[in-house]
Amino acid sequence: MNSQYSIAQTRHSLAEIVHTVESGQPVSITRRGKPVAVLVSQAEFERLSGQQAPDLWNAITAFRANHDLSKISDEDFASLRDASTGREFSWEA
């Protein structure tokens, strides 16, 4: 992390700092020379906090890793299917 700003510098250079962070480089904010905060882009924050939705393939892979699909059979779904033919239709009004 190369970029480091004091709180006072941050007040005066916020637009520049936001551009730096948007480009993917984190910025350290210091108070009296000691780091107190780090600014990161929204995308990096979501990645670090796990808020980013997984893509379909990763979701499928994770599901397969957590569930034993060999134990699933057609009987497991038999009670879920509606056996009715659907709405009744009559030509008579």
N, C-alpha and C. Protein backbone atom coordinates (compact mmCIF):
# COMPACT_ATOMS: atom_id res chain seq x y z
N MET A 1 0.85 -1.16 0.00
CA MET A 1 0.00 0.00 0.00
C MET A 1 0.90 1.22 0.00
N ASN A 2 1.03 1.84 -1.14
CA ASN A 2 1.94 2.97 -1.29
C ASN A 2 1.31 4.28 -0.84
N SER A 3 0.03 4.48 -1.11
CA SER A 3 -0.61 5.75 -0.84
C SER A 3 -0.97 5.87 0.64
N GLN A 4 -0.54 6.97 1.21
CA GLN A 4 -0.80 7.22 2.61
C GLN A 4 -1.08 8.71 2.77
N TYR A 5 -2.17 9.03 3.44
CA TYR A 5 -2.57 10.42 3.65
C TYR A 5 -2.92 10.63 5.11
N SER A 6 -2.60 11.81 5.62
CA SER A 6 -3.07 12.16 6.95
C SER A 6 -4.54 12.55 6.84
N ILE A 7 -5.21 12.64 7.96
CA ILE A 7 -6.62 13.04 7.93
C ILE A 7 -6.76 14.43 7.32
N ALA A 8 -5.86 15.34 7.66
CA ALA A 8 -5.91 16.70 7.10
C ALA A 8 -5.71 16.67 5.58
N GLN A 9 -4.77 15.88 5.09
CA GLN A 9 -4.55 15.76 3.65
C GLN A 9 -5.77 15.14 2.97
N THR A 10 -6.39 14.20 3.65
CA THR A 10 -7.57 13.54 3.10
C THR A 10 -8.70 14.53 2.88
N ARG A 11 -8.88 15.44 3.82
CA ARG A 11 -9.93 16.46 3.68
C ARG A 11 -9.75 17.29 2.42
N HIS A 12 -8.50 17.61 2.11
CA HIS A 12 -8.22 18.48 0.97
C HIS A 12 -8.10 17.72 -0.35
N SER A 13 -7.85 16.43 -0.30
CA SER A 13 -7.57 15.67 -1.52
C SER A 13 -8.55 14.52 -1.74
N LEU A 14 -9.76 14.65 -1.21
CA LEU A 14 -10.69 13.53 -1.27
C LEU A 14 -10.96 13.06 -2.70
N ALA A 15 -11.19 13.98 -3.63
CA ALA A 15 -11.48 13.58 -5.02
C ALA A 15 -10.32 12.78 -5.61
N GLU A 16 -9.10 13.23 -5.38
CA GLU A 16 -7.91 12.52 -5.87
C GLU A 16 -7.80 11.14 -5.24
N ILE A 17 -8.08 11.06 -3.95
CA ILE A 17 -8.00 9.78 -3.24
C ILE A 17 -9.05 8.81 -3.77
N VAL A 18 -10.25 9.30 -4.03
CA VAL A 18 -11.31 8.43 -4.57
C VAL A 18 -10.90 7.88 -5.93
N HIS A 19 -10.28 8.70 -6.76
CA HIS A 19 -9.81 8.22 -8.07
C HIS A 19 -8.73 7.15 -7.89
N THR A 20 -7.86 7.33 -6.92
CA THR A 20 -6.81 6.33 -6.65
C THR A 20 -7.44 5.02 -6.22
N VAL A 21 -8.41 5.11 -5.33
CA VAL A 21 -9.08 3.91 -4.82
C VAL A 21 -9.87 3.21 -5.92
N GLU A 22 -10.54 3.98 -6.77
CA GLU A 22 -11.30 3.40 -7.88
C GLU A 22 -10.41 2.63 -8.84
N SER A 23 -9.17 3.03 -8.96
CA SER A 23 -8.25 2.34 -9.86
C SER A 23 -7.74 1.03 -9.27
N GLY A 24 -8.14 0.74 -8.04
CA GLY A 24 -7.78 -0.54 -7.43
C GLY A 24 -6.69 -0.47 -6.39
N GLN A 25 -6.17 0.71 -6.13
CA GLN A 25 -5.09 0.85 -5.15
C GLN A 25 -5.67 1.32 -3.81
N PRO A 26 -5.50 0.57 -2.73
CA PRO A 26 -6.00 1.01 -1.43
C PRO A 26 -5.19 2.20 -0.91
N VAL A 27 -5.83 2.99 -0.06
CA VAL A 27 -5.18 4.18 0.50
C VAL A 27 -5.28 4.10 2.02
N SER A 28 -4.16 4.33 2.68
CA SER A 28 -4.11 4.33 4.14
C SER A 28 -4.30 5.75 4.65
N ILE A 29 -5.13 5.90 5.67
CA ILE A 29 -5.36 7.19 6.31
C ILE A 29 -4.69 7.14 7.69
N THR A 30 -3.92 8.17 7.99
CA THR A 30 -3.17 8.18 9.25
C THR A 30 -3.61 9.33 10.15
N ARG A 31 -3.41 9.14 11.43
CA ARG A 31 -3.60 10.19 12.44
C ARG A 31 -2.32 10.23 13.26
N ARG A 32 -1.66 11.36 13.21
CA ARG A 32 -0.39 11.55 13.91
C ARG A 32 0.63 10.47 13.51
N GLY A 33 0.62 10.13 12.23
CA GLY A 33 1.59 9.19 11.69
C GLY A 33 1.25 7.72 11.85
N LYS A 34 0.14 7.40 12.56
CA LYS A 34 -0.25 6.00 12.76
C LYS A 34 -1.46 5.68 11.89
N PRO A 35 -1.42 4.55 11.19
CA PRO A 35 -2.56 4.16 10.34
C PRO A 35 -3.82 3.94 11.19
N VAL A 36 -4.94 4.54 10.75
CA VAL A 36 -6.20 4.38 11.47
C VAL A 36 -7.32 3.84 10.59
N ALA A 37 -7.15 3.93 9.26
CA ALA A 37 -8.20 3.46 8.35
C ALA A 37 -7.58 3.17 6.99
N VAL A 38 -8.31 2.37 6.22
CA VAL A 38 -7.90 2.08 4.85
C VAL A 38 -9.12 2.27 3.97
N LEU A 39 -8.94 2.99 2.88
CA LEU A 39 -10.00 3.16 1.89
C LEU A 39 -9.76 2.20 0.75
N VAL A 40 -10.82 1.46 0.37
CA VAL A 40 -10.74 0.53 -0.76
C VAL A 40 -11.93 0.78 -1.66
N SER A 41 -11.86 0.29 -2.88
CA SER A 41 -12.97 0.44 -3.82
C SER A 41 -14.17 -0.38 -3.36
N GLN A 42 -15.33 -0.04 -3.90
CA GLN A 42 -16.55 -0.78 -3.57
C GLN A 42 -16.41 -2.25 -3.96
N ALA A 43 -15.85 -2.52 -5.12
CA ALA A 43 -15.68 -3.90 -5.57
C ALA A 43 -14.78 -4.68 -4.63
N GLU A 44 -13.69 -4.06 -4.17
CA GLU A 44 -12.78 -4.73 -3.24
C GLU A 44 -13.46 -4.95 -1.89
N PHE A 45 -14.22 -3.98 -1.44
CA PHE A 45 -14.95 -4.14 -0.18
C PHE A 45 -15.92 -5.32 -0.26
N GLU A 46 -16.67 -5.41 -1.35
CA GLU A 46 -17.61 -6.51 -1.52
C GLU A 46 -16.90 -7.84 -1.57
N ARG A 47 -15.75 -7.89 -2.24
CA ARG A 47 -14.97 -9.13 -2.31
C ARG A 47 -14.48 -9.53 -0.93
N LEU A 48 -13.96 -8.57 -0.18
CA LEU A 48 -13.41 -8.87 1.15
C LEU A 48 -14.49 -9.23 2.16
N SER A 49 -15.65 -8.63 2.04
CA SER A 49 -16.71 -8.87 3.02
C SER A 49 -17.62 -10.02 2.62
N GLY A 50 -17.38 -10.61 1.45
CA GLY A 50 -18.19 -11.74 1.01
C GLY A 50 -19.56 -11.35 0.54
N GLN A 51 -19.78 -10.09 0.22
CA GLN A 51 -21.09 -9.63 -0.23
C GLN A 51 -21.30 -9.82 -1.72
N GLN A 52 -20.28 -10.16 -2.41
CA GLN A 52 -20.38 -10.31 -3.85
C GLN A 52 -21.07 -11.63 -4.17
N ALA A 53 -22.08 -11.58 -4.99
CA ALA A 53 -22.81 -12.79 -5.36
C ALA A 53 -21.91 -13.67 -6.22
N PRO A 54 -21.88 -14.97 -5.93
CA PRO A 54 -21.06 -15.86 -6.74
C PRO A 54 -21.66 -16.03 -8.13
N ASP A 55 -20.81 -16.29 -9.10
CA ASP A 55 -21.35 -16.57 -10.42
C ASP A 55 -21.97 -17.96 -10.42
N LEU A 56 -22.72 -18.27 -11.45
CA LEU A 56 -23.48 -19.52 -11.48
C LEU A 56 -22.60 -20.75 -11.32
N TRP A 57 -21.49 -20.79 -12.04
CA TRP A 57 -20.63 -21.98 -11.97
C TRP A 57 -20.08 -22.19 -10.56
N ASN A 58 -19.63 -21.11 -9.92
CA ASN A 58 -19.11 -21.24 -8.55
C ASN A 58 -20.21 -21.65 -7.58
N ALA A 59 -21.43 -21.17 -7.79
CA ALA A 59 -22.55 -21.55 -6.94
C ALA A 59 -22.86 -23.05 -7.11
N ILE A 60 -22.86 -23.52 -8.35
CA ILE A 60 -23.11 -24.95 -8.60
C ILE A 60 -22.01 -25.80 -7.99
N THR A 61 -20.78 -25.40 -8.16
CA THR A 61 -19.65 -26.14 -7.60
C THR A 61 -19.73 -26.20 -6.08
N ALA A 62 -20.07 -25.08 -5.45
CA ALA A 62 -20.20 -25.05 -3.99
C ALA A 62 -21.35 -25.95 -3.53
N PHE A 63 -22.47 -25.92 -4.26
CA PHE A 63 -23.61 -26.77 -3.91
C PHE A 63 -23.22 -28.24 -4.00
N ARG A 64 -22.54 -28.61 -5.08
CA ARG A 64 -22.13 -30.01 -5.25
C ARG A 64 -21.15 -30.44 -4.16
N ALA A 65 -20.30 -29.52 -3.73
CA ALA A 65 -19.32 -29.86 -2.69
C ALA A 65 -19.99 -30.07 -1.33
N ASN A 66 -21.12 -29.40 -1.12
CA ASN A 66 -21.79 -29.47 0.18
C ASN A 66 -22.94 -30.47 0.25
N HIS A 67 -23.29 -31.09 -0.87
CA HIS A 67 -24.41 -32.03 -0.89
C HIS A 67 -24.02 -33.30 -1.65
N ASP A 68 -24.41 -34.43 -1.09
CA ASP A 68 -24.13 -35.71 -1.72
C ASP A 68 -25.27 -36.02 -2.69
N LEU A 69 -25.05 -35.75 -3.97
CA LEU A 69 -26.10 -35.92 -4.97
C LEU A 69 -26.38 -37.38 -5.29
N SER A 70 -25.50 -38.28 -4.91
CA SER A 70 -25.73 -39.70 -5.18
C SER A 70 -26.87 -40.26 -4.32
N LYS A 71 -27.23 -39.56 -3.27
CA LYS A 71 -28.31 -40.03 -2.39
C LYS A 71 -29.69 -39.57 -2.86
N ILE A 72 -29.76 -38.76 -3.90
CA ILE A 72 -31.03 -38.25 -4.40
C ILE A 72 -31.59 -39.22 -5.43
N SER A 73 -32.90 -39.51 -5.31
CA SER A 73 -33.55 -40.41 -6.27
C SER A 73 -34.86 -39.79 -6.74
N ASP A 74 -35.49 -40.41 -7.73
CA ASP A 74 -36.76 -39.91 -8.25
C ASP A 74 -37.84 -39.90 -7.17
N GLU A 75 -37.77 -40.82 -6.24
CA GLU A 75 -38.76 -40.89 -5.16
C GLU A 75 -38.72 -39.63 -4.29
N ASP A 76 -37.58 -39.00 -4.21
CA ASP A 76 -37.46 -37.78 -3.42
C ASP A 76 -38.32 -36.66 -3.98
N PHE A 77 -38.60 -36.70 -5.27
CA PHE A 77 -39.37 -35.65 -5.92
C PHE A 77 -40.82 -36.04 -6.19
N ALA A 78 -41.17 -37.29 -5.95
CA ALA A 78 -42.51 -37.79 -6.27
C ALA A 78 -43.60 -37.00 -5.54
N SER A 79 -43.39 -36.68 -4.30
CA SER A 79 -44.42 -35.98 -3.53
C SER A 79 -44.48 -34.49 -3.87
N LEU A 80 -43.50 -33.98 -4.58
CA LEU A 80 -43.46 -32.57 -4.92
C LEU A 80 -44.23 -32.24 -6.19
N ARG A 81 -44.41 -33.24 -7.04
CA ARG A 81 -45.04 -33.00 -8.34
C ARG A 81 -46.56 -33.02 -8.20
N ASP A 82 -47.18 -32.04 -8.80
CA ASP A 82 -48.64 -31.97 -8.83
C ASP A 82 -49.13 -32.91 -9.93
N ALA A 83 -49.89 -33.92 -9.57
CA ALA A 83 -50.33 -34.93 -10.54
C ALA A 83 -51.58 -34.49 -11.31
N SER A 84 -52.17 -33.37 -10.93
CA SER A 84 -53.38 -32.94 -11.63
C SER A 84 -53.03 -32.49 -13.05
N THR A 85 -54.04 -32.48 -13.90
CA THR A 85 -53.83 -32.11 -15.30
C THR A 85 -53.85 -30.61 -15.50
N GLY A 86 -54.16 -29.89 -14.49
CA GLY A 86 -54.21 -28.44 -14.62
C GLY A 86 -55.63 -27.94 -14.53
N ARG A 87 -55.87 -26.76 -15.07
CA ARG A 87 -57.21 -26.18 -15.01
C ARG A 87 -58.19 -26.97 -15.87
N GLU A 88 -59.38 -27.04 -15.40
CA GLU A 88 -60.44 -27.68 -16.17
C GLU A 88 -60.93 -26.67 -17.20
N PHE A 89 -61.19 -27.15 -18.41
CA PHE A 89 -61.66 -26.27 -19.48
C PHE A 89 -62.98 -26.80 -20.01
N SER A 90 -63.87 -25.88 -20.22
CA SER A 90 -65.17 -26.26 -20.78
C SER A 90 -65.54 -25.28 -21.88
N TRP A 91 -66.06 -25.79 -23.00
CA TRP A 91 -66.50 -24.95 -24.11
C TRP A 91 -67.79 -24.25 -23.75
N GLU A 92 -68.48 -24.74 -22.77
CA GLU A 92 -69.75 -24.15 -22.38
C GLU A 92 -69.49 -22.98 -21.44
N ALA A 93 -70.15 -21.90 -21.70
CA ALA A 93 -69.92 -20.71 -20.88
C ALA A 93 -70.93 -20.58 -19.79
